[in-house]
Amino acid sequence: FAAVMDATLGEWSVVSNLPYNVATPIVMRLLDDAPHVRS
């Protein structure tokens, strides 16, 4: 996620229609690994 979203640019948001079968692990990964995602 650090390569996809440049944290030096500031805060990011995620807005997505997530695939049902992987929605929870994706949200967990974002919380763990992408602190620049504020919402």
PDB file of all heavy atoms in Angstrom:
ATOM      1  N   PHE A   1       0.818  -1.212   0.000  1.00  0.00           N
ATOM      2  CA  PHE A   1       0.000   0.000   0.000  1.00  0.00           C
ATOM      3  C   PHE A   1       0.854   1.265   0.000  1.00  0.00           C
ATOM      4  O   PHE A   1       0.447   2.297  -0.554  1.00  0.00           O
ATOM      5  CB  PHE A   1      -0.944   0.009   1.196  1.00  0.00           C
ATOM      6  CG  PHE A   1      -2.130  -0.902   1.051  1.00  0.00           C
ATOM      7  CD1 PHE A   1      -2.407  -1.861   2.020  1.00  0.00           C
ATOM      8  CD2 PHE A   1      -2.967  -0.814  -0.044  1.00  0.00           C
ATOM      9  CE1 PHE A   1      -3.504  -2.700   1.894  1.00  0.00           C
ATOM     10  CE2 PHE A   1      -4.054  -1.653  -0.190  1.00  0.00           C
ATOM     11  CZ  PHE A   1      -4.332  -2.598   0.787  1.00  0.00           C
ATOM     12  N   ALA A   2       2.029   1.205   0.605  1.00  0.00           N
ATOM     13  CA  ALA A   2       2.902   2.377   0.613  1.00  0.00           C
ATOM     14  C   ALA A   2       3.350   2.742  -0.801  1.00  0.00           C
ATOM     15  O   ALA A   2       3.556   3.923  -1.111  1.00  0.00           O
ATOM     16  CB  ALA A   2       4.119   2.122   1.506  1.00  0.00           C
ATOM     17  N   ALA A   3       3.492   1.730  -1.658  1.00  0.00           N
ATOM     18  CA  ALA A   3       3.879   1.987  -3.041  1.00  0.00           C
ATOM     19  C   ALA A   3       2.704   2.526  -3.861  1.00  0.00           C
ATOM     20  O   ALA A   3       2.899   3.313  -4.793  1.00  0.00           O
ATOM     21  CB  ALA A   3       4.423   0.705  -3.670  1.00  0.00           C
ATOM     22  N   VAL A   4       1.505   2.117  -3.522  1.00  0.00           N
ATOM     23  CA  VAL A   4       0.317   2.541  -4.269  1.00  0.00           C
ATOM     24  C   VAL A   4      -0.122   3.940  -3.854  1.00  0.00           C
ATOM     25  O   VAL A   4      -0.548   4.753  -4.679  1.00  0.00           O
ATOM     26  CB  VAL A   4      -0.835   1.538  -4.055  1.00  0.00           C
ATOM     27  CG1 VAL A   4      -2.128   2.044  -4.689  1.00  0.00           C
ATOM     28  CG2 VAL A   4      -0.465   0.183  -4.645  1.00  0.00           C
ATOM     29  N   MET A   5      -0.037   4.231  -2.549  1.00  0.00           N
ATOM     30  CA  MET A   5      -0.474   5.522  -2.024  1.00  0.00           C
ATOM     31  C   MET A   5       0.719   6.241  -1.407  1.00  0.00           C
ATOM     32  O   MET A   5       1.264   5.791  -0.397  1.00  0.00           O
ATOM     33  CB  MET A   5      -1.566   5.325  -0.965  1.00  0.00           C
ATOM     34  CG  MET A   5      -2.848   4.722  -1.482  1.00  0.00           C
ATOM     35  SD  MET A   5      -4.051   4.423  -0.140  1.00  0.00           S
ATOM     36  CE  MET A   5      -3.335   2.941   0.617  1.00  0.00           C
ATOM     37  N   ASP A   6       1.115   7.336  -1.986  1.00  0.00           N
ATOM     38  CA  ASP A   6       2.259   8.098  -1.504  1.00  0.00           C
ATOM     39  C   ASP A   6       1.855   8.889  -0.258  1.00  0.00           C
ATOM     40  O   ASP A   6       1.118   9.880  -0.342  1.00  0.00           O
ATOM     41  CB  ASP A   6       2.736   9.049  -2.606  1.00  0.00           C
ATOM     42  CG  ASP A   6       4.012   9.779  -2.241  1.00  0.00           C
ATOM     43  OD1 ASP A   6       4.435   9.684  -1.070  1.00  0.00           O
ATOM     44  OD2 ASP A   6       4.574  10.453  -3.122  1.00  0.00           O
ATOM     45  N   ALA A   7       2.333   8.457   0.899  1.00  0.00           N
ATOM     46  CA  ALA A   7       1.957   9.103   2.149  1.00  0.00           C
ATOM     47  C   ALA A   7       2.505  10.516   2.261  1.00  0.00           C
ATOM     48  O   ALA A   7       1.973  11.330   3.026  1.00  0.00           O
ATOM     49  CB  ALA A   7       2.440   8.268   3.336  1.00  0.00           C
ATOM     50  N   THR A   8       3.548  10.836   1.484  1.00  0.00           N
ATOM     51  CA  THR A   8       4.110  12.189   1.552  1.00  0.00           C
ATOM     52  C   THR A   8       3.150  13.223   0.984  1.00  0.00           C
ATOM     53  O   THR A   8       3.311  14.428   1.229  1.00  0.00           O
ATOM     54  CB  THR A   8       5.443  12.268   0.790  1.00  0.00           C
ATOM     55  OG1 THR A   8       5.220  12.037  -0.606  1.00  0.00           O
ATOM     56  CG2 THR A   8       6.430  11.242   1.332  1.00  0.00           C
ATOM     57  N   LEU A   9       2.151  12.774   0.239  1.00  0.00           N
ATOM     58  CA  LEU A   9       1.164  13.702  -0.319  1.00  0.00           C
ATOM     59  C   LEU A   9       0.107  14.106   0.704  1.00  0.00           C
ATOM     60  O   LEU A   9      -0.669  15.028   0.469  1.00  0.00           O
ATOM     61  CB  LEU A   9       0.469  13.052  -1.533  1.00  0.00           C
ATOM     62  CG  LEU A   9       1.361  12.711  -2.721  1.00  0.00           C
ATOM     63  CD1 LEU A   9       0.550  11.987  -3.795  1.00  0.00           C
ATOM     64  CD2 LEU A   9       2.008  13.975  -3.287  1.00  0.00           C
ATOM     65  N   GLY A  10       0.062  13.392   1.830  1.00  0.00           N
ATOM     66  CA  GLY A  10      -0.937  13.685   2.859  1.00  0.00           C
ATOM     67  C   GLY A  10      -1.878  12.513   3.066  1.00  0.00           C
ATOM     68  O   GLY A  10      -1.568  11.367   2.723  1.00  0.00           O
ATOM     69  N   GLU A  11      -3.036  12.814   3.622  1.00  0.00           N
ATOM     70  CA  GLU A  11      -3.993  11.774   3.967  1.00  0.00           C
ATOM     71  C   GLU A  11      -4.728  11.247   2.736  1.00  0.00           C
ATOM     72  O   GLU A  11      -4.934  11.959   1.752  1.00  0.00           O
ATOM     73  CB  GLU A  11      -5.015  12.318   4.976  1.00  0.00           C
ATOM     74  CG  GLU A  11      -4.392  12.711   6.300  1.00  0.00           C
ATOM     75  CD  GLU A  11      -5.416  13.222   7.296  1.00  0.00           C
ATOM     76  OE1 GLU A  11      -6.600  13.374   6.913  1.00  0.00           O
ATOM     77  OE2 GLU A  11      -5.040  13.474   8.455  1.00  0.00           O
ATOM     78  N   TRP A  12      -5.147   9.987   2.840  1.00  0.00           N
ATOM     79  CA  TRP A  12      -5.905   9.327   1.788  1.00  0.00           C
ATOM     80  C   TRP A  12      -7.231   8.826   2.361  1.00  0.00           C
ATOM     81  O   TRP A  12      -7.370   8.612   3.569  1.00  0.00           O
ATOM     82  CB  TRP A  12      -5.127   8.128   1.242  1.00  0.00           C
ATOM     83  CG  TRP A  12      -3.989   8.478   0.341  1.00  0.00           C
ATOM     84  CD1 TRP A  12      -2.806   9.075   0.707  1.00  0.00           C
ATOM     85  CD2 TRP A  12      -3.899   8.250  -1.071  1.00  0.00           C
ATOM     86  NE1 TRP A  12      -1.996   9.229  -0.387  1.00  0.00           N
ATOM     87  CE2 TRP A  12      -2.633   8.729  -1.494  1.00  0.00           C
ATOM     88  CE3 TRP A  12      -4.759   7.675  -2.001  1.00  0.00           C
ATOM     89  CZ2 TRP A  12      -2.216   8.663  -2.822  1.00  0.00           C
ATOM     90  CZ3 TRP A  12      -4.339   7.602  -3.335  1.00  0.00           C
ATOM     91  CH2 TRP A  12      -3.088   8.092  -3.733  1.00  0.00           C
ATOM     92  N   SER A  13      -8.164   8.607   1.447  1.00  0.00           N
ATOM     93  CA  SER A  13      -9.420   7.931   1.770  1.00  0.00           C
ATOM     94  C   SER A  13      -9.547   6.701   0.877  1.00  0.00           C
ATOM     95  O   SER A  13      -9.010   6.674  -0.236  1.00  0.00           O
ATOM     96  CB  SER A  13     -10.625   8.846   1.537  1.00  0.00           C
ATOM     97  OG  SER A  13     -10.577   9.980   2.377  1.00  0.00           O
ATOM     98  N   VAL A  14     -10.250   5.710   1.372  1.00  0.00           N
ATOM     99  CA  VAL A  14     -10.603   4.539   0.570  1.00  0.00           C
ATOM    100  C   VAL A  14     -12.114   4.543   0.389  1.00  0.00           C
ATOM    101  O   VAL A  14     -12.857   4.646   1.371  1.00  0.00           O
ATOM    102  CB  VAL A  14     -10.150   3.228   1.243  1.00  0.00           C
ATOM    103  CG1 VAL A  14     -10.753   2.020   0.532  1.00  0.00           C
ATOM    104  CG2 VAL A  14      -8.631   3.137   1.249  1.00  0.00           C
ATOM    105  N   VAL A  15     -12.563   4.477  -0.849  1.00  0.00           N
ATOM    106  CA  VAL A  15     -13.989   4.385  -1.165  1.00  0.00           C
ATOM    107  C   VAL A  15     -14.146   3.233  -2.140  1.00  0.00           C
ATOM    108  O   VAL A  15     -13.624   3.285  -3.255  1.00  0.00           O
ATOM    109  CB  VAL A  15     -14.537   5.693  -1.780  1.00  0.00           C
ATOM    110  CG1 VAL A  15     -16.039   5.572  -2.024  1.00  0.00           C
ATOM    111  CG2 VAL A  15     -14.234   6.892  -0.879  1.00  0.00           C
ATOM    112  N   SER A  16     -14.838   2.183  -1.724  1.00  0.00           N
ATOM    113  CA  SER A  16     -14.835   0.960  -2.531  1.00  0.00           C
ATOM    114  C   SER A  16     -16.076   0.118  -2.325  1.00  0.00           C
ATOM    115  O   SER A  16     -16.621   0.061  -1.220  1.00  0.00           O
ATOM    116  CB  SER A  16     -13.612   0.084  -2.171  1.00  0.00           C
ATOM    117  OG  SER A  16     -12.403   0.754  -2.396  1.00  0.00           O
ATOM    118  N   ASN A  17     -16.479  -0.534  -3.411  1.00  0.00           N
ATOM    119  CA  ASN A  17     -17.431  -1.633  -3.357  1.00  0.00           C
ATOM    120  C   ASN A  17     -16.584  -2.897  -3.315  1.00  0.00           C
ATOM    121  O   ASN A  17     -16.121  -3.374  -4.348  1.00  0.00           O
ATOM    122  CB  ASN A  17     -18.339  -1.606  -4.591  1.00  0.00           C
ATOM    123  CG  ASN A  17     -19.238  -2.822  -4.707  1.00  0.00           C
ATOM    124  OD1 ASN A  17     -19.485  -3.516  -3.721  1.00  0.00           O
ATOM    125  ND2 ASN A  17     -19.712  -3.082  -5.914  1.00  0.00           N
ATOM    126  N   LEU A  18     -16.343  -3.407  -2.115  1.00  0.00           N
ATOM    127  CA  LEU A  18     -15.392  -4.502  -1.951  1.00  0.00           C
ATOM    128  C   LEU A  18     -16.013  -5.852  -2.298  1.00  0.00           C
ATOM    129  O   LEU A  18     -17.180  -6.108  -1.965  1.00  0.00           O
ATOM    130  CB  LEU A  18     -14.882  -4.544  -0.511  1.00  0.00           C
ATOM    131  CG  LEU A  18     -14.033  -3.351  -0.048  1.00  0.00           C
ATOM    132  CD1 LEU A  18     -13.676  -3.503   1.418  1.00  0.00           C
ATOM    133  CD2 LEU A  18     -12.775  -3.207  -0.894  1.00  0.00           C
ATOM    134  N   PRO A  19     -15.250  -6.739  -2.921  1.00  0.00           N
ATOM    135  CA  PRO A  19     -15.738  -8.104  -3.123  1.00  0.00           C
ATOM    136  C   PRO A  19     -16.089  -8.728  -1.774  1.00  0.00           C
ATOM    137  O   PRO A  19     -15.296  -8.666  -0.825  1.00  0.00           O
ATOM    138  CB  PRO A  19     -14.545  -8.817  -3.771  1.00  0.00           C
ATOM    139  CG  PRO A  19     -13.726  -7.717  -4.371  1.00  0.00           C
ATOM    140  CD  PRO A  19     -13.899  -6.543  -3.473  1.00  0.00           C
ATOM    141  N   TYR A  20     -17.262  -9.312  -1.678  1.00  0.00           N
ATOM    142  CA  TYR A  20     -17.745  -9.798  -0.387  1.00  0.00           C
ATOM    143  C   TYR A  20     -16.799 -10.800   0.258  1.00  0.00           C
ATOM    144  O   TYR A  20     -16.608 -10.796   1.472  1.00  0.00           O
ATOM    145  CB  TYR A  20     -19.122 -10.455  -0.549  1.00  0.00           C
ATOM    146  CG  TYR A  20     -20.251  -9.499  -0.847  1.00  0.00           C
ATOM    147  CD1 TYR A  20     -21.387  -9.939  -1.505  1.00  0.00           C
ATOM    148  CD2 TYR A  20     -20.189  -8.166  -0.459  1.00  0.00           C
ATOM    149  CE1 TYR A  20     -22.439  -9.072  -1.769  1.00  0.00           C
ATOM    150  CE2 TYR A  20     -21.225  -7.299  -0.724  1.00  0.00           C
ATOM    151  CZ  TYR A  20     -22.354  -7.753  -1.385  1.00  0.00           C
ATOM    152  OH  TYR A  20     -23.380  -6.901  -1.652  1.00  0.00           O
ATOM    153  N   ASN A  21     -16.189 -11.659  -0.558  1.00  0.00           N
ATOM    154  CA  ASN A  21     -15.415 -12.766   0.015  1.00  0.00           C
ATOM    155  C   ASN A  21     -14.068 -12.340   0.593  1.00  0.00           C
ATOM    156  O   ASN A  21     -13.434 -13.111   1.322  1.00  0.00           O
ATOM    157  CB  ASN A  21     -15.218 -13.871  -1.031  1.00  0.00           C
ATOM    158  CG  ASN A  21     -14.538 -13.377  -2.298  1.00  0.00           C
ATOM    159  OD1 ASN A  21     -14.564 -12.190  -2.600  1.00  0.00           O
ATOM    160  ND2 ASN A  21     -13.947 -14.282  -3.047  1.00  0.00           N
ATOM    161  N   VAL A  22     -13.618 -11.120   0.300  1.00  0.00           N
ATOM    162  CA  VAL A  22     -12.320 -10.673   0.831  1.00  0.00           C
ATOM    163  C   VAL A  22     -12.431  -9.308   1.517  1.00  0.00           C
ATOM    164  O   VAL A  22     -11.408  -8.691   1.830  1.00  0.00           O
ATOM    165  CB  VAL A  22     -11.246 -10.613  -0.286  1.00  0.00           C
ATOM    166  CG1 VAL A  22     -10.888 -12.012  -0.752  1.00  0.00           C
ATOM    167  CG2 VAL A  22     -11.703  -9.744  -1.450  1.00  0.00           C
ATOM    168  N   ALA A  23     -13.635  -8.837   1.780  1.00  0.00           N
ATOM    169  CA  ALA A  23     -13.816  -7.492   2.333  1.00  0.00           C
ATOM    170  C   ALA A  23     -13.134  -7.327   3.682  1.00  0.00           C
ATOM    171  O   ALA A  23     -12.411  -6.349   3.915  1.00  0.00           O
ATOM    172  CB  ALA A  23     -15.304  -7.174   2.449  1.00  0.00           C
ATOM    173  N   THR A  24     -13.344  -8.281   4.582  1.00  0.00           N
ATOM    174  CA  THR A  24     -12.772  -8.142   5.929  1.00  0.00           C
ATOM    175  C   THR A  24     -11.253  -8.147   5.913  1.00  0.00           C
ATOM    176  O   THR A  24     -10.633  -7.248   6.510  1.00  0.00           O
ATOM    177  CB  THR A  24     -13.321  -9.237   6.859  1.00  0.00           C
ATOM    178  OG1 THR A  24     -14.735  -9.070   7.000  1.00  0.00           O
ATOM    179  CG2 THR A  24     -12.679  -9.145   8.236  1.00  0.00           C
ATOM    180  N   PRO A  25     -10.578  -9.093   5.265  1.00  0.00           N
ATOM    181  CA  PRO A  25      -9.112  -9.043   5.270  1.00  0.00           C
ATOM    182  C   PRO A  25      -8.542  -7.796   4.601  1.00  0.00           C
ATOM    183  O   PRO A  25      -7.482  -7.306   5.002  1.00  0.00           O
ATOM    184  CB  PRO A  25      -8.686 -10.323   4.539  1.00  0.00           C
ATOM    185  CG  PRO A  25      -9.904 -10.841   3.859  1.00  0.00           C
ATOM    186  CD  PRO A  25     -11.068 -10.357   4.643  1.00  0.00           C
ATOM    187  N   ILE A  26      -9.238  -7.254   3.606  1.00  0.00           N
ATOM    188  CA  ILE A  26      -8.749  -6.022   2.980  1.00  0.00           C
ATOM    189  C   ILE A  26      -8.815  -4.867   3.972  1.00  0.00           C
ATOM    190  O   ILE A  26      -7.857  -4.096   4.124  1.00  0.00           O
ATOM    191  CB  ILE A  26      -9.551  -5.701   1.703  1.00  0.00           C
ATOM    192  CG1 ILE A  26      -9.177  -6.665   0.581  1.00  0.00           C
ATOM    193  CG2 ILE A  26      -9.295  -4.266   1.251  1.00  0.00           C
ATOM    194  CD1 ILE A  26     -10.011  -6.502  -0.684  1.00  0.00           C
ATOM    195  N   VAL A  27      -9.930  -4.731   4.674  1.00  0.00           N
ATOM    196  CA  VAL A  27     -10.052  -3.660   5.668  1.00  0.00           C
ATOM    197  C   VAL A  27      -9.018  -3.837   6.772  1.00  0.00           C
ATOM    198  O   VAL A  27      -8.386  -2.865   7.215  1.00  0.00           O
ATOM    199  CB  VAL A  27     -11.478  -3.621   6.241  1.00  0.00           C
ATOM    200  CG1 VAL A  27     -11.551  -2.704   7.469  1.00  0.00           C
ATOM    201  CG2 VAL A  27     -12.471  -3.147   5.181  1.00  0.00           C
ATOM    202  N   MET A  28      -8.805  -5.072   7.213  1.00  0.00           N
ATOM    203  CA  MET A  28      -7.806  -5.319   8.248  1.00  0.00           C
ATOM    204  C   MET A  28      -6.404  -4.930   7.771  1.00  0.00           C
ATOM    205  O   MET A  28      -5.609  -4.344   8.522  1.00  0.00           O
ATOM    206  CB  MET A  28      -7.816  -6.798   8.660  1.00  0.00           C
ATOM    207  CG  MET A  28      -9.092  -7.283   9.323  1.00  0.00           C
ATOM    208  SD  MET A  28      -9.504  -6.440  10.876  1.00  0.00           S
ATOM    209  CE  MET A  28     -10.752  -5.312  10.308  1.00  0.00           C
ATOM    210  N   ARG A  29      -6.077  -5.247   6.533  1.00  0.00           N
ATOM    211  CA  ARG A  29      -4.767  -4.880   5.978  1.00  0.00           C
ATOM    212  C   ARG A  29      -4.607  -3.373   5.927  1.00  0.00           C
ATOM    213  O   ARG A  29      -3.525  -2.828   6.240  1.00  0.00           O
ATOM    214  CB  ARG A  29      -4.594  -5.432   4.563  1.00  0.00           C
ATOM    215  CG  ARG A  29      -4.176  -6.879   4.458  1.00  0.00           C
ATOM    216  CD  ARG A  29      -3.395  -7.104   3.164  1.00  0.00           C
ATOM    217  NE  ARG A  29      -2.080  -6.474   3.232  1.00  0.00           N
ATOM    218  CZ  ARG A  29      -1.445  -5.953   2.165  1.00  0.00           C
ATOM    219  NH1 ARG A  29      -1.998  -5.973   0.973  1.00  0.00           N
ATOM    220  NH2 ARG A  29      -0.258  -5.398   2.308  1.00  0.00           N
ATOM    221  N   LEU A  30      -5.632  -2.671   5.528  1.00  0.00           N
ATOM    222  CA  LEU A  30      -5.554  -1.208   5.455  1.00  0.00           C
ATOM    223  C   LEU A  30      -5.330  -0.608   6.841  1.00  0.00           C
ATOM    224  O   LEU A  30      -4.539   0.332   7.005  1.00  0.00           O
ATOM    225  CB  LEU A  30      -6.833  -0.649   4.833  1.00  0.00           C
ATOM    226  CG  LEU A  30      -6.974  -0.852   3.320  1.00  0.00           C
ATOM    227  CD1 LEU A  30      -8.424  -0.654   2.885  1.00  0.00           C
ATOM    228  CD2 LEU A  30      -6.053   0.104   2.562  1.00  0.00           C
ATOM    229  N   LEU A  31      -6.012  -1.144   7.843  1.00  0.00           N
ATOM    230  CA  LEU A  31      -5.828  -0.637   9.201  1.00  0.00           C
ATOM    231  C   LEU A  31      -4.422  -0.919   9.717  1.00  0.00           C
ATOM    232  O   LEU A  31      -3.798  -0.076  10.366  1.00  0.00           O
ATOM    233  CB  LEU A  31      -6.879  -1.253  10.135  1.00  0.00           C
ATOM    234  CG  LEU A  31      -8.321  -0.787   9.902  1.00  0.00           C
ATOM    235  CD1 LEU A  31      -9.284  -1.604  10.745  1.00  0.00           C
ATOM    236  CD2 LEU A  31      -8.483   0.701  10.205  1.00  0.00           C
ATOM    237  N   ASP A  32      -3.911  -2.101   9.435  1.00  0.00           N
ATOM    238  CA  ASP A  32      -2.585  -2.489   9.911  1.00  0.00           C
ATOM    239  C   ASP A  32      -1.457  -1.782   9.165  1.00  0.00           C
ATOM    240  O   ASP A  32      -0.477  -1.346   9.769  1.00  0.00           O
ATOM    241  CB  ASP A  32      -2.381  -4.001   9.745  1.00  0.00           C
ATOM    242  CG  ASP A  32      -3.082  -4.833  10.809  1.00  0.00           C
ATOM    243  OD1 ASP A  32      -3.282  -4.330  11.926  1.00  0.00           O
ATOM    244  OD2 ASP A  32      -3.433  -5.995  10.505  1.00  0.00           O
ATOM    245  N   ASP A  33      -1.593  -1.697   7.825  1.00  0.00           N
ATOM    246  CA  ASP A  33      -0.446  -1.367   6.978  1.00  0.00           C
ATOM    247  C   ASP A  33      -0.518   0.001   6.296  1.00  0.00           C
ATOM    248  O   ASP A  33       0.453   0.391   5.634  1.00  0.00           O
ATOM    249  CB  ASP A  33      -0.282  -2.435   5.889  1.00  0.00           C
ATOM    250  CG  ASP A  33      -0.068  -3.828   6.453  1.00  0.00           C
ATOM    251  OD1 ASP A  33       0.373  -3.924   7.612  1.00  0.00           O
ATOM    252  OD2 ASP A  33      -0.347  -4.811   5.733  1.00  0.00           O
ATOM    253  N   ALA A  34      -1.633   0.710   6.411  1.00  0.00           N
ATOM    254  CA  ALA A  34      -1.764   1.981   5.700  1.00  0.00           C
ATOM    255  C   ALA A  34      -2.258   3.079   6.636  1.00  0.00           C
ATOM    256  O   ALA A  34      -3.396   3.545   6.528  1.00  0.00           O
ATOM    257  CB  ALA A  34      -2.716   1.821   4.506  1.00  0.00           C
ATOM    258  N   PRO A  35      -1.397   3.523   7.558  1.00  0.00           N
ATOM    259  CA  PRO A  35      -1.827   4.541   8.520  1.00  0.00           C
ATOM    260  C   PRO A  35      -2.181   5.881   7.886  1.00  0.00           C
ATOM    261  O   PRO A  35      -2.873   6.696   8.508  1.00  0.00           O
ATOM    262  CB  PRO A  35      -0.609   4.673   9.451  1.00  0.00           C
ATOM    263  CG  PRO A  35       0.548   4.161   8.657  1.00  0.00           C
ATOM    264  CD  PRO A  35      -0.004   3.081   7.795  1.00  0.00           C
ATOM    265  N   HIS A  36      -1.729   6.123   6.655  1.00  0.00           N
ATOM    266  CA  HIS A  36      -2.064   7.369   5.967  1.00  0.00           C
ATOM    267  C   HIS A  36      -3.497   7.356   5.429  1.00  0.00           C
ATOM    268  O   HIS A  36      -3.984   8.389   4.986  1.00  0.00           O
ATOM    269  CB  HIS A  36      -1.076   7.635   4.835  1.00  0.00           C
ATOM    270  CG  HIS A  36      -0.820   6.458   3.954  1.00  0.00           C
ATOM    271  ND1 HIS A  36      -0.143   5.335   4.388  1.00  0.00           N
ATOM    272  CD2 HIS A  36      -1.156   6.209   2.671  1.00  0.00           C
ATOM    273  CE1 HIS A  36      -0.061   4.460   3.409  1.00  0.00           C
ATOM    274  NE2 HIS A  36      -0.679   4.954   2.361  1.00  0.00           N
ATOM    275  N   VAL A  37      -4.155   6.191   5.452  1.00  0.00           N
ATOM    276  CA  VAL A  37      -5.586   6.132   5.124  1.00  0.00           C
ATOM    277  C   VAL A  37      -6.358   6.542   6.370  1.00  0.00           C
ATOM    278  O   VAL A  37      -6.422   5.799   7.345  1.00  0.00           O
ATOM    279  CB  VAL A  37      -6.001   4.720   4.658  1.00  0.00           C
ATOM    280  CG1 VAL A  37      -7.518   4.633   4.519  1.00  0.00           C
ATOM    281  CG2 VAL A  37      -5.325   4.384   3.341  1.00  0.00           C
ATOM    282  N   ARG A  38      -6.939   7.727   6.328  1.00  0.00           N
ATOM    283  CA  ARG A  38      -7.617   8.271   7.501  1.00  0.00           C
ATOM    284  C   ARG A  38      -9.089   7.912   7.545  1.00  0.00           C
ATOM    285  O   ARG A  38      -9.718   7.967   8.603  1.00  0.00           O
ATOM    286  CB  ARG A  38      -7.458   9.796   7.549  1.00  0.00           C
ATOM    287  CG  ARG A  38      -6.033  10.279   7.493  1.00  0.00           C
ATOM    288  CD  ARG A  38      -5.133   9.600   8.515  1.00  0.00           C
ATOM    289  NE  ARG A  38      -5.591   9.786   9.891  1.00  0.00           N
ATOM    290  CZ  ARG A  38      -5.021   9.250  10.950  1.00  0.00           C
ATOM    291  NH1 ARG A  38      -4.000   8.430  10.793  1.00  0.00           N
ATOM    292  NH2 ARG A  38      -5.476   9.490  12.164  1.00  0.00           N
ATOM    293  N   SER A  39      -9.680   7.579   6.406  1.00  0.00           N
ATOM    294  CA  SER A  39     -11.093   7.222   6.400  1.00  0.00           C
ATOM    295  C   SER A  39     -11.370   6.213   5.302  1.00  0.00           C
ATOM    296  O   SER A  39     -10.662   6.159   4.293  1.00  0.00           O
ATOM    297  CB  SER A  39     -11.985   8.458   6.202  1.00  0.00           C
ATOM    298  OG  SER A  39     -11.832   8.989   4.897  1.00  0.00           O
TER     299      SER A  39
END
